[in-house]
Amino acid sequence: NLTALDYIYLVCQIRKTPFEKKQAKRLLEKLKLFNEVSMPIKHYSKGMKQRVLIALSLIGDPKTVILDEPTSGLDLFSQQLIEE
């Protein structure tokens, strides 16, 4: 029953990365997930779940991110959003 923000917070705790709620919300907004921020992830579509995972990979402002087929199985909207 975790929301996207809860999940990001949990992963930050595991990684020992500082959790910045502002940054997390900004990432979710950029990935078009902010309106669903209070909805449990289990109700997300595949594309929405994929975008949450991409948000997780961007937490902490990494210099490099390597993604293996991040758009595989996604609809056209999600593919374009991720590629941007």
PDB file of N, CA and C in Angstrom:
ATOM      1  N   ASN A   1       0.807  -1.209   0.000  1.00  0.00           N
ATOM      2  CA  ASN A   1       0.000   0.000   0.000  1.00  0.00           C
ATOM      3  C   ASN A   1       0.847   1.269   0.000  1.00  0.00           C
ATOM      4  N   LEU A   2       2.107   1.169  -0.371  1.00  0.00           N
ATOM      5  CA  LEU A   2       2.977   2.340  -0.395  1.00  0.00           C
ATOM      6  C   LEU A   2       2.618   3.264  -1.554  1.00  0.00           C
ATOM      7  N   THR A   3       2.700   4.565  -1.291  1.00  0.00           N
ATOM      8  CA  THR A   3       2.572   5.548  -2.357  1.00  0.00           C
ATOM      9  C   THR A   3       3.957   5.745  -2.973  1.00  0.00           C
ATOM     10  N   ALA A   4       4.017   6.480  -4.067  1.00  0.00           N
ATOM     11  CA  ALA A   4       5.309   6.725  -4.717  1.00  0.00           C
ATOM     12  C   ALA A   4       6.262   7.450  -3.763  1.00  0.00           C
ATOM     13  N   LEU A   5       5.754   8.452  -3.033  1.00  0.00           N
ATOM     14  CA  LEU A   5       6.607   9.171  -2.083  1.00  0.00           C
ATOM     15  C   LEU A   5       7.098   8.263  -0.966  1.00  0.00           C
ATOM     16  N   ASP A   6       6.212   7.405  -0.461  1.00  0.00           N
ATOM     17  CA  ASP A   6       6.607   6.450   0.581  1.00  0.00           C
ATOM     18  C   ASP A   6       7.707   5.520   0.078  1.00  0.00           C
ATOM     19  N   TYR A   7       7.549   5.058  -1.156  1.00  0.00           N
ATOM     20  CA  TYR A   7       8.519   4.128  -1.736  1.00  0.00           C
ATOM     21  C   TYR A   7       9.871   4.810  -1.931  1.00  0.00           C
ATOM     22  N   ILE A   8       9.851   6.033  -2.423  1.00  0.00           N
ATOM     23  CA  ILE A   8      11.094   6.782  -2.601  1.00  0.00           C
ATOM     24  C   ILE A   8      11.772   6.996  -1.251  1.00  0.00           C
ATOM     25  N   TYR A   9      10.984   7.340  -0.236  1.00  0.00           N
ATOM     26  CA  TYR A   9      11.525   7.531   1.113  1.00  0.00           C
ATOM     27  C   TYR A   9      12.182   6.237   1.617  1.00  0.00           C
ATOM     28  N   LEU A  10      11.501   5.115   1.429  1.00  0.00           N
ATOM     29  CA  LEU A  10      12.019   3.825   1.880  1.00  0.00           C
ATOM     30  C   LEU A  10      13.344   3.487   1.184  1.00  0.00           C
ATOM     31  N   VAL A  11      13.391   3.678  -0.115  1.00  0.00           N
ATOM     32  CA  VAL A  11      14.616   3.379  -0.861  1.00  0.00           C
ATOM     33  C   VAL A  11      15.750   4.303  -0.427  1.00  0.00           C
ATOM     34  N   CYS A  12      15.433   5.568  -0.161  1.00  0.00           N
ATOM     35  CA  CYS A  12      16.457   6.493   0.340  1.00  0.00           C
ATOM     36  C   CYS A  12      17.014   6.020   1.678  1.00  0.00           C
ATOM     37  N   GLN A  13      16.154   5.503   2.536  1.00  0.00           N
ATOM     38  CA  GLN A  13      16.601   4.983   3.827  1.00  0.00           C
ATOM     39  C   GLN A  13      17.532   3.798   3.636  1.00  0.00           C
ATOM     40  N   ILE A  14      17.182   2.902   2.723  1.00  0.00           N
ATOM     41  CA  ILE A  14      18.004   1.721   2.471  1.00  0.00           C
ATOM     42  C   ILE A  14      19.358   2.121   1.881  1.00  0.00           C
ATOM     43  N   ARG A  15      19.343   3.071   0.947  1.00  0.00           N
ATOM     44  CA  ARG A  15      20.582   3.522   0.295  1.00  0.00           C
ATOM     45  C   ARG A  15      21.399   4.475   1.171  1.00  0.00           C
ATOM     46  N   LYS A  16      20.789   4.922   2.275  1.00  0.00           N
ATOM     47  CA  LYS A  16      21.406   5.936   3.141  1.00  0.00           C
ATOM     48  C   LYS A  16      21.647   7.231   2.369  1.00  0.00           C
ATOM     49  N   THR A  17      20.656   7.559   1.513  1.00  0.00           N
ATOM     50  CA  THR A  17      20.647   8.793   0.739  1.00  0.00           C
ATOM     51  C   THR A  17      19.682   9.753   1.416  1.00  0.00           C
ATOM     52  N   PRO A  18      20.054  11.003   1.568  1.00  0.00           N
ATOM     53  CA  PRO A  18      19.121  11.951   2.187  1.00  0.00           C
ATOM     54  C   PRO A  18      17.829  12.048   1.378  1.00  0.00           C
ATOM     55  N   PHE A  19      16.712  11.983   2.073  1.00  0.00           N
ATOM     56  CA  PHE A  19      15.408  12.111   1.420  1.00  0.00           C
ATOM     57  C   PHE A  19      15.016  13.574   1.421  1.00  0.00           C
ATOM     58  N   GLU A  20      14.843  14.120   0.243  1.00  0.00           N
ATOM     59  CA  GLU A  20      14.388  15.496   0.105  1.00  0.00           C
ATOM     60  C   GLU A  20      13.017  15.454  -0.546  1.00  0.00           C
ATOM     61  N   LYS A  21      11.995  15.705   0.264  1.00  0.00           N
ATOM     62  CA  LYS A  21      10.625  15.610  -0.219  1.00  0.00           C
ATOM     63  C   LYS A  21      10.386  16.532  -1.414  1.00  0.00           C
ATOM     64  N   LYS A  22      10.996  17.719  -1.383  1.00  0.00           N
ATOM     65  CA  LYS A  22      10.841  18.669  -2.486  1.00  0.00           C
ATOM     66  C   LYS A  22      11.375  18.081  -3.787  1.00  0.00           C
ATOM     67  N   GLN A  23      12.560  17.469  -3.717  1.00  0.00           N
ATOM     68  CA  GLN A  23      13.159  16.875  -4.904  1.00  0.00           C
ATOM     69  C   GLN A  23      12.312  15.704  -5.405  1.00  0.00           C
ATOM     70  N   ALA A  24      11.827  14.890  -4.497  1.00  0.00           N
ATOM     71  CA  ALA A  24      11.002  13.744  -4.876  1.00  0.00           C
ATOM     72  C   ALA A  24       9.722  14.211  -5.560  1.00  0.00           C
ATOM     73  N   LYS A  25       9.080  15.216  -5.005  1.00  0.00           N
ATOM     74  CA  LYS A  25       7.858  15.741  -5.619  1.00  0.00           C
ATOM     75  C   LYS A  25       8.144  16.343  -6.985  1.00  0.00           C
ATOM     76  N   ARG A  26       9.272  17.023  -7.117  1.00  0.00           N
ATOM     77  CA  ARG A  26       9.653  17.624  -8.394  1.00  0.00           C
ATOM     78  C   ARG A  26       9.864  16.536  -9.450  1.00  0.00           C
ATOM     79  N   LEU A  27      10.527  15.451  -9.066  1.00  0.00           N
ATOM     80  CA  LEU A  27      10.744  14.338  -9.997  1.00  0.00           C
ATOM     81  C   LEU A  27       9.420  13.693 -10.400  1.00  0.00           C
ATOM     82  N   LEU A  28       8.550  13.474  -9.436  1.00  0.00           N
ATOM     83  CA  LEU A  28       7.257  12.862  -9.741  1.00  0.00           C
ATOM     84  C   LEU A  28       6.422  13.766 -10.641  1.00  0.00           C
ATOM     85  N   GLU A  29       6.528  15.062 -10.414  1.00  0.00           N
ATOM     86  CA  GLU A  29       5.806  16.008 -11.266  1.00  0.00           C
ATOM     87  C   GLU A  29       6.366  15.968 -12.691  1.00  0.00           C
ATOM     88  N   LYS A  30       7.678  15.935 -12.809  1.00  0.00           N
ATOM     89  CA  LYS A  30       8.328  15.896 -14.121  1.00  0.00           C
ATOM     90  C   LYS A  30       7.957  14.623 -14.883  1.00  0.00           C
ATOM     91  N   LEU A  31       7.765  13.529 -14.155  1.00  0.00           N
ATOM     92  CA  LEU A  31       7.411  12.250 -14.758  1.00  0.00           C
ATOM     93  C   LEU A  31       5.895  12.034 -14.826  1.00  0.00           C
ATOM     94  N   LYS A  32       5.149  13.109 -14.629  1.00  0.00           N
ATOM     95  CA  LYS A  32       3.680  13.095 -14.740  1.00  0.00           C
ATOM     96  C   LYS A  32       3.019  12.107 -13.775  1.00  0.00           C
ATOM     97  N   LEU A  33       3.533  12.047 -12.547  1.00  0.00           N
ATOM     98  CA  LEU A  33       2.964  11.172 -11.523  1.00  0.00           C
ATOM     99  C   LEU A  33       2.456  11.953 -10.315  1.00  0.00           C
ATOM    100  N   PHE A  34       2.582  13.264 -10.341  1.00  0.00           N
ATOM    101  CA  PHE A  34       2.266  14.040  -9.152  1.00  0.00           C
ATOM    102  C   PHE A  34       0.783  13.975  -8.786  1.00  0.00           C
ATOM    103  N   ASN A  35      -0.114  13.898  -9.770  1.00  0.00           N
ATOM    104  CA  ASN A  35      -1.548  13.822  -9.470  1.00  0.00           C
ATOM    105  C   ASN A  35      -1.914  12.511  -8.795  1.00  0.00           C
ATOM    106  N   GLU A  36      -1.101  11.488  -8.999  1.00  0.00           N
ATOM    107  CA  GLU A  36      -1.363  10.175  -8.406  1.00  0.00           C
ATOM    108  C   GLU A  36      -0.517   9.928  -7.162  1.00  0.00           C
ATOM    109  N   VAL A  37       0.054  10.985  -6.598  1.00  0.00           N
ATOM    110  CA  VAL A  37       1.009  10.837  -5.502  1.00  0.00           C
ATOM    111  C   VAL A  37       0.400  10.169  -4.266  1.00  0.00           C
ATOM    112  N   SER A  38      -0.901  10.280  -4.070  1.00  0.00           N
ATOM    113  CA  SER A  38      -1.515   9.665  -2.883  1.00  0.00           C
ATOM    114  C   SER A  38      -2.094   8.276  -3.184  1.00  0.00           C
ATOM    115  N   MET A  39      -2.026   7.824  -4.423  1.00  0.00           N
ATOM    116  CA  MET A  39      -2.549   6.521  -4.799  1.00  0.00           C
ATOM    117  C   MET A  39      -1.482   5.443  -4.543  1.00  0.00           C
ATOM    118  N   PRO A  40      -1.865   4.322  -3.956  1.00  0.00           N
ATOM    119  CA  PRO A  40      -0.891   3.235  -3.755  1.00  0.00           C
ATOM    120  C   PRO A  40      -0.332   2.748  -5.089  1.00  0.00           C
ATOM    121  N   ILE A  41       0.944   2.420  -5.101  1.00  0.00           N
ATOM    122  CA  ILE A  41       1.618   1.986  -6.323  1.00  0.00           C
ATOM    123  C   ILE A  41       0.963   0.740  -6.910  1.00  0.00           C
ATOM    124  N   LYS A  42       0.378  -0.095  -6.076  1.00  0.00           N
ATOM    125  CA  LYS A  42      -0.223  -1.332  -6.585  1.00  0.00           C
ATOM    126  C   LYS A  42      -1.362  -1.054  -7.572  1.00  0.00           C
ATOM    127  N   HIS A  43      -1.874   0.180  -7.590  1.00  0.00           N
ATOM    128  CA  HIS A  43      -2.939   0.549  -8.518  1.00  0.00           C
ATOM    129  C   HIS A  43      -2.401   1.255  -9.766  1.00  0.00           C
ATOM    130  N   TYR A  44      -1.107   1.416  -9.856  1.00  0.00           N
ATOM    131  CA  TYR A  44      -0.480   2.082 -11.005  1.00  0.00           C
ATOM    132  C   TYR A  44      -0.458   1.143 -12.216  1.00  0.00           C
ATOM    133  N   SER A  45      -0.444   1.742 -13.399  1.00  0.00           N
ATOM    134  CA  SER A  45      -0.250   0.969 -14.629  1.00  0.00           C
ATOM    135  C   SER A  45       1.236   0.611 -14.738  1.00  0.00           C
ATOM    136  N   LYS A  46       1.571  -0.218 -15.713  1.00  0.00           N
ATOM    137  CA  LYS A  46       2.972  -0.606 -15.910  1.00  0.00           C
ATOM    138  C   LYS A  46       3.834   0.619 -16.210  1.00  0.00           C
ATOM    139  N   GLY A  47       3.324   1.499 -17.045  1.00  0.00           N
ATOM    140  CA  GLY A  47       4.066   2.708 -17.390  1.00  0.00           C
ATOM    141  C   GLY A  47       4.308   3.601 -16.187  1.00  0.00           C
ATOM    142  N   MET A  48       3.313   3.713 -15.319  1.00  0.00           N
ATOM    143  CA  MET A  48       3.451   4.525 -14.108  1.00  0.00           C
ATOM    144  C   MET A  48       4.493   3.918 -13.176  1.00  0.00           C
ATOM    145  N   LYS A  49       4.476   2.604 -13.038  1.00  0.00           N
ATOM    146  CA  LYS A  49       5.468   1.932 -12.189  1.00  0.00           C
ATOM    147  C   LYS A  49       6.868   2.123 -12.744  1.00  0.00           C
ATOM    148  N   GLN A  50       6.989   2.056 -14.062  1.00  0.00           N
ATOM    149  CA  GLN A  50       8.284   2.252 -14.710  1.00  0.00           C
ATOM    150  C   GLN A  50       8.803   3.658 -14.431  1.00  0.00           C
ATOM    151  N   ARG A  51       7.908   4.652 -14.466  1.00  0.00           N
ATOM    152  CA  ARG A  51       8.311   6.039 -14.210  1.00  0.00           C
ATOM    153  C   ARG A  51       8.724   6.233 -12.755  1.00  0.00           C
ATOM    154  N   VAL A  52       8.088   5.516 -11.825  1.00  0.00           N
ATOM    155  CA  VAL A  52       8.508   5.580 -10.416  1.00  0.00           C
ATOM    156  C   VAL A  52       9.928   5.043 -10.280  1.00  0.00           C
ATOM    157  N   LEU A  53      10.223   3.945 -10.968  1.00  0.00           N
ATOM    158  CA  LEU A  53      11.569   3.375 -10.909  1.00  0.00           C
ATOM    159  C   LEU A  53      12.600   4.325 -11.511  1.00  0.00           C
ATOM    160  N   ILE A  54      12.225   5.040 -12.551  1.00  0.00           N
ATOM    161  CA  ILE A  54      13.141   6.028 -13.127  1.00  0.00           C
ATOM    162  C   ILE A  54      13.357   7.171 -12.143  1.00  0.00           C
ATOM    163  N   ALA A  55      12.303   7.590 -11.464  1.00  0.00           N
ATOM    164  CA  ALA A  55      12.453   8.628 -10.436  1.00  0.00           C
ATOM    165  C   ALA A  55      13.436   8.159  -9.366  1.00  0.00           C
ATOM    166  N   LEU A  56      13.344   6.896  -8.967  1.00  0.00           N
ATOM    167  CA  LEU A  56      14.269   6.345  -7.965  1.00  0.00           C
ATOM    168  C   LEU A  56      15.713   6.402  -8.449  1.00  0.00           C
ATOM    169  N   SER A  57      15.911   6.139  -9.736  1.00  0.00           N
ATOM    170  CA  SER A  57      17.278   6.156 -10.256  1.00  0.00           C
ATOM    171  C   SER A  57      17.846   7.567 -10.314  1.00  0.00           C
ATOM    172  N   LEU A  58      16.986   8.581 -10.300  1.00  0.00           N
ATOM    173  CA  LEU A  58      17.435   9.971 -10.385  1.00  0.00           C
ATOM    174  C   LEU A  58      17.576  10.659  -9.024  1.00  0.00           C
ATOM    175  N   ILE A  59      17.153   9.989  -7.957  1.00  0.00           N
ATOM    176  CA  ILE A  59      17.280  10.564  -6.617  1.00  0.00           C
ATOM    177  C   ILE A  59      18.754  10.723  -6.280  1.00  0.00           C
ATOM    178  N   GLY A  60      19.095  11.849  -5.740  1.00  0.00           N
ATOM    179  CA  GLY A  60      20.477  12.122  -5.365  1.00  0.00           C
ATOM    180  C   GLY A  60      21.289  12.747  -6.482  1.00  0.00           C
ATOM    181  N   ASP A  61      20.647  13.097  -7.591  1.00  0.00           N
ATOM    182  CA  ASP A  61      21.309  13.741  -8.736  1.00  0.00           C
ATOM    183  C   ASP A  61      22.569  13.001  -9.189  1.00  0.00           C
ATOM    184  N   PRO A  62      22.426  11.741  -9.628  1.00  0.00           N
ATOM    185  CA  PRO A  62      23.601  10.998 -10.084  1.00  0.00           C
ATOM    186  C   PRO A  62      24.185  11.619 -11.354  1.00  0.00           C
ATOM    187  N   LYS A  63      25.474  11.481 -11.519  1.00  0.00           N
ATOM    188  CA  LYS A  63      26.134  12.017 -12.718  1.00  0.00           C
ATOM    189  C   LYS A  63      25.810  11.175 -13.943  1.00  0.00           C
ATOM    190  N   THR A  64      25.676   9.874 -13.746  1.00  0.00           N
ATOM    191  CA  THR A  64      25.394   8.956 -14.843  1.00  0.00           C
ATOM    192  C   THR A  64      24.309   7.975 -14.432  1.00  0.00           C
ATOM    193  N   VAL A  65      23.398   7.715 -15.355  1.00  0.00           N
ATOM    194  CA  VAL A  65      22.356   6.718 -15.128  1.00  0.00           C
ATOM    195  C   VAL A  65      22.337   5.804 -16.343  1.00  0.00           C
ATOM    196  N   ILE A  66      22.443   4.512 -16.112  1.00  0.00           N
ATOM    197  CA  ILE A  66      22.392   3.535 -17.196  1.00  0.00           C
ATOM    198  C   ILE A  66      21.081   2.772 -17.054  1.00  0.00           C
ATOM    199  N   LEU A  67      20.271   2.840 -18.100  1.00  0.00           N
ATOM    200  CA  LEU A  67      18.964   2.186 -18.099  1.00  0.00           C
ATOM    201  C   LEU A  67      18.939   1.109 -19.176  1.00  0.00           C
ATOM    202  N   ASP A  68      18.457  -0.053 -18.841  1.00  0.00           N
ATOM    203  CA  ASP A  68      18.356  -1.160 -19.788  1.00  0.00           C
ATOM    204  C   ASP A  68      16.908  -1.274 -20.251  1.00  0.00           C
ATOM    205  N   GLU A  69      16.643  -0.850 -21.452  1.00  0.00           N
ATOM    206  CA  GLU A  69      15.325  -0.899 -22.073  1.00  0.00           C
ATOM    207  C   GLU A  69      14.235  -0.280 -21.177  1.00  0.00           C
ATOM    208  N   PRO A  70      14.376   0.986 -20.814  1.00  0.00           N
ATOM    209  CA  PRO A  70      13.401   1.608 -19.915  1.00  0.00           C
ATOM    210  C   PRO A  70      12.013   1.799 -20.532  1.00  0.00           C
ATOM    211  N   THR A  71      11.914   1.703 -21.855  1.00  0.00           N
ATOM    212  CA  THR A  71      10.610   1.912 -22.494  1.00  0.00           C
ATOM    213  C   THR A  71       9.978   0.618 -22.982  1.00  0.00           C
ATOM    214  N   SER A  72      10.577  -0.513 -22.681  1.00  0.00           N
ATOM    215  CA  SER A  72      10.062  -1.801 -23.121  1.00  0.00           C
ATOM    216  C   SER A  72       8.653  -2.054 -22.574  1.00  0.00           C
ATOM    217  N   GLY A  73       7.723  -2.320 -23.472  1.00  0.00           N
ATOM    218  CA  GLY A  73       6.361  -2.659 -23.077  1.00  0.00           C
ATOM    219  C   GLY A  73       5.494  -1.480 -22.667  1.00  0.00           C
ATOM    220  N   LEU A  74       5.958  -0.262 -22.921  1.00  0.00           N
ATOM    221  CA  LEU A  74       5.199   0.913 -22.509  1.00  0.00           C
ATOM    222  C   LEU A  74       4.404   1.498 -23.664  1.00  0.00           C
ATOM    223  N   ASP A  75       3.355   2.253 -23.326  1.00  0.00           N
ATOM    224  CA  ASP A  75       2.583   2.935 -24.358  1.00  0.00           C
ATOM    225  C   ASP A  75       3.378   4.115 -24.919  1.00  0.00           C
ATOM    226  N   LEU A  76       2.901   4.685 -26.005  1.00  0.00           N
ATOM    227  CA  LEU A  76       3.621   5.741 -26.698  1.00  0.00           C
ATOM    228  C   LEU A  76       3.854   6.960 -25.809  1.00  0.00           C
ATOM    229  N   PHE A  77       2.845   7.356 -25.015  1.00  0.00           N
ATOM    230  CA  PHE A  77       2.979   8.503 -24.117  1.00  0.00           C
ATOM    231  C   PHE A  77       4.132   8.286 -23.131  1.00  0.00           C
ATOM    232  N   SER A  78       4.145   7.112 -22.501  1.00  0.00           N
ATOM    233  CA  SER A  78       5.178   6.808 -21.517  1.00  0.00           C
ATOM    234  C   SER A  78       6.564   6.733 -22.167  1.00  0.00           C
ATOM    235  N   GLN A  79       6.624   6.166 -23.369  1.00  0.00           N
ATOM    236  CA  GLN A  79       7.905   6.080 -24.079  1.00  0.00           C
ATOM    237  C   GLN A  79       8.465   7.477 -24.336  1.00  0.00           C
ATOM    238  N   GLN A  80       7.620   8.369 -24.842  1.00  0.00           N
ATOM    239  CA  GLN A  80       8.069   9.730 -25.156  1.00  0.00           C
ATOM    240  C   GLN A  80       8.492  10.470 -23.895  1.00  0.00           C
ATOM    241  N   LEU A  81       7.732  10.305 -22.823  1.00  0.00           N
ATOM    242  CA  LEU A  81       8.029  10.968 -21.568  1.00  0.00           C
ATOM    243  C   LEU A  81       9.385  10.521 -21.018  1.00  0.00           C
ATOM    244  N   ILE A  82       9.643   9.242 -21.047  1.00  0.00           N
ATOM    245  CA  ILE A  82      10.902   8.710 -20.524  1.00  0.00           C
ATOM    246  C   ILE A  82      12.078   9.147 -21.392  1.00  0.00           C
ATOM    247  N   GLU A  83      11.880   9.147 -22.693  1.00  0.00           N
ATOM    248  CA  GLU A  83      12.959   9.563 -23.593  1.00  0.00           C
ATOM    249  C   GLU A  83      13.307  11.030 -23.409  1.00  0.00           C
ATOM    250  N   GLU A  84      12.320  11.850 -23.073  1.00  0.00           N
ATOM    251  CA  GLU A  84      12.590  13.276 -22.812  1.00  0.00           C
ATOM    252  C   GLU A  84      13.412  13.426 -21.548  1.00  0.00           C
TER     253      GLU A  84
END
